[in-house]
Amino acid sequence: MPGQHLPGANQEFADPERVQAEVAALLAELSAGAPNPGFPGAPTVHSEGTDIVRRGKILEQAHEVLVQALATVDKI
């Protein structure tokens, strides 16, 4: 890959397929509800406050993956 000869270039964050797969996995979690504790197989619990916080954290993780990828590509 371009730039792999540069010191400090972390190619792991520049692999488009890895970035796409990681972001897709995180976004797939958005549609999954929080498990219903104590009742395996039961419908999921959707508390609005908890769900918003959970979704926010997932989106924050996806954003961080993209920021790291862009920072790596910018160095190449």
C-alpha atoms as a PDB file:
ATOM      1  CA  MET A   1       0.000   0.000   0.000  1.00  0.00           C
ATOM      2  CA  PRO A   2       1.149   3.554  -0.570  1.00  0.00           C
ATOM      3  CA  GLY A   3       3.149   5.050   2.266  1.00  0.00           C
ATOM      4  CA  GLN A   4       3.982   1.788   4.009  1.00  0.00           C
ATOM      5  CA  HIS A   5       7.657   2.734   3.810  1.00  0.00           C
ATOM      6  CA  LEU A   6       7.064   5.849   5.940  1.00  0.00           C
ATOM      7  CA  PRO A   7       7.954   5.649   9.626  1.00  0.00           C
ATOM      8  CA  GLY A   8       4.903   5.532  11.875  1.00  0.00           C
ATOM      9  CA  ALA A   9       2.492   4.657   9.072  1.00  0.00           C
ATOM     10  CA  ASN A  10      -0.064   2.266  10.551  1.00  0.00           C
ATOM     11  CA  GLN A  11      -1.448   0.462   7.532  1.00  0.00           C
ATOM     12  CA  GLU A  12      -4.054  -1.342   9.653  1.00  0.00           C
ATOM     13  CA  PHE A  13      -6.124   1.853   9.813  1.00  0.00           C
ATOM     14  CA  ALA A  14      -5.715   2.546   6.087  1.00  0.00           C
ATOM     15  CA  ASP A  15      -7.161  -0.752   4.810  1.00  0.00           C
ATOM     16  CA  PRO A  16     -10.501   0.255   3.232  1.00  0.00           C
ATOM     17  CA  GLU A  17     -12.006  -3.229   3.560  1.00  0.00           C
ATOM     18  CA  ARG A  18     -11.145  -3.427   7.265  1.00  0.00           C
ATOM     19  CA  VAL A  19     -12.523   0.060   7.903  1.00  0.00           C
ATOM     20  CA  GLN A  20     -15.727  -0.708   5.995  1.00  0.00           C
ATOM     21  CA  ALA A  21     -16.220  -4.020   7.805  1.00  0.00           C
ATOM     22  CA  GLU A  22     -15.647  -2.480  11.236  1.00  0.00           C
ATOM     23  CA  VAL A  23     -18.032   0.427  10.595  1.00  0.00           C
ATOM     24  CA  ALA A  24     -20.655  -1.919   9.123  1.00  0.00           C
ATOM     25  CA  ALA A  25     -20.461  -4.145  12.210  1.00  0.00           C
ATOM     26  CA  LEU A  26     -20.900  -1.148  14.501  1.00  0.00           C
ATOM     27  CA  LEU A  27     -23.844   0.181  12.494  1.00  0.00           C
ATOM     28  CA  ALA A  28     -25.478  -3.263  12.557  1.00  0.00           C
ATOM     29  CA  GLU A  29     -25.527  -2.949  16.341  1.00  0.00           C
ATOM     30  CA  LEU A  30     -27.767   0.112  16.020  1.00  0.00           C
ATOM     31  CA  SER A  31     -30.695  -2.008  14.894  1.00  0.00           C
ATOM     32  CA  ALA A  32     -30.100  -4.622  17.596  1.00  0.00           C
ATOM     33  CA  GLY A  33     -31.948  -3.883  20.816  1.00  0.00           C
ATOM     34  CA  ALA A  34     -30.491  -4.254  24.281  1.00  0.00           C
ATOM     35  CA  PRO A  35     -30.978  -7.807  25.566  1.00  0.00           C
ATOM     36  CA  ASN A  36     -33.743  -8.386  28.088  1.00  0.00           C
ATOM     37  CA  PRO A  37     -31.879  -9.370  31.285  1.00  0.00           C
ATOM     38  CA  GLY A  38     -33.216 -12.462  33.014  1.00  0.00           C
ATOM     39  CA  PHE A  39     -35.406 -13.532  30.101  1.00  0.00           C
ATOM     40  CA  PRO A  40     -33.281 -15.175  27.384  1.00  0.00           C
ATOM     41  CA  GLY A  41     -35.092 -15.309  24.081  1.00  0.00           C
ATOM     42  CA  ALA A  42     -37.640 -12.723  25.235  1.00  0.00           C
ATOM     43  CA  PRO A  43     -38.203  -9.518  23.269  1.00  0.00           C
ATOM     44  CA  THR A  44     -35.600  -6.837  23.760  1.00  0.00           C
ATOM     45  CA  VAL A  45     -35.917  -4.002  26.229  1.00  0.00           C
ATOM     46  CA  HIS A  46     -36.162  -0.575  24.620  1.00  0.00           C
ATOM     47  CA  SER A  47     -35.815   2.091  27.260  1.00  0.00           C
ATOM     48  CA  GLU A  48     -35.578   5.373  25.372  1.00  0.00           C
ATOM     49  CA  GLY A  49     -32.877   6.890  27.587  1.00  0.00           C
ATOM     50  CA  THR A  50     -30.736   3.772  27.628  1.00  0.00           C
ATOM     51  CA  ASP A  51     -31.197   3.168  23.922  1.00  0.00           C
ATOM     52  CA  ILE A  52     -30.147   6.705  23.003  1.00  0.00           C
ATOM     53  CA  VAL A  53     -27.001   6.456  25.136  1.00  0.00           C
ATOM     54  CA  ARG A  54     -26.164   3.037  23.638  1.00  0.00           C
ATOM     55  CA  ARG A  55     -26.701   4.304  20.095  1.00  0.00           C
ATOM     56  CA  GLY A  56     -24.609   7.390  20.827  1.00  0.00           C
ATOM     57  CA  LYS A  57     -21.712   5.242  22.022  1.00  0.00           C
ATOM     58  CA  ILE A  58     -21.924   3.023  18.940  1.00  0.00           C
ATOM     59  CA  LEU A  59     -21.922   6.030  16.615  1.00  0.00           C
ATOM     60  CA  GLU A  60     -19.000   7.498  18.552  1.00  0.00           C
ATOM     61  CA  GLN A  61     -17.037   4.274  18.027  1.00  0.00           C
ATOM     62  CA  ALA A  62     -17.806   4.286  14.298  1.00  0.00           C
ATOM     63  CA  HIS A  63     -16.744   7.923  14.109  1.00  0.00           C
ATOM     64  CA  GLU A  64     -13.447   7.102  15.841  1.00  0.00           C
ATOM     65  CA  VAL A  65     -12.733   4.307  13.342  1.00  0.00           C
ATOM     66  CA  LEU A  66     -13.279   6.744  10.470  1.00  0.00           C
ATOM     67  CA  VAL A  67     -11.189   9.491  12.105  1.00  0.00           C
ATOM     68  CA  GLN A  68      -8.292   7.069  12.624  1.00  0.00           C
ATOM     69  CA  ALA A  69      -8.521   5.904   9.018  1.00  0.00           C
ATOM     70  CA  LEU A  70      -8.553   9.478   7.701  1.00  0.00           C
ATOM     71  CA  ALA A  71      -5.625  10.468   9.930  1.00  0.00           C
ATOM     72  CA  THR A  72      -3.625   7.497   8.660  1.00  0.00           C
ATOM     73  CA  VAL A  73      -4.417   8.232   5.016  1.00  0.00           C
ATOM     74  CA  ASP A  74      -3.514  11.904   5.565  1.00  0.00           C
ATOM     75  CA  LYS A  75      -0.019  10.827   6.717  1.00  0.00           C
ATOM     76  CA  ILE A  76       0.557   8.611   3.676  1.00  0.00           C
END
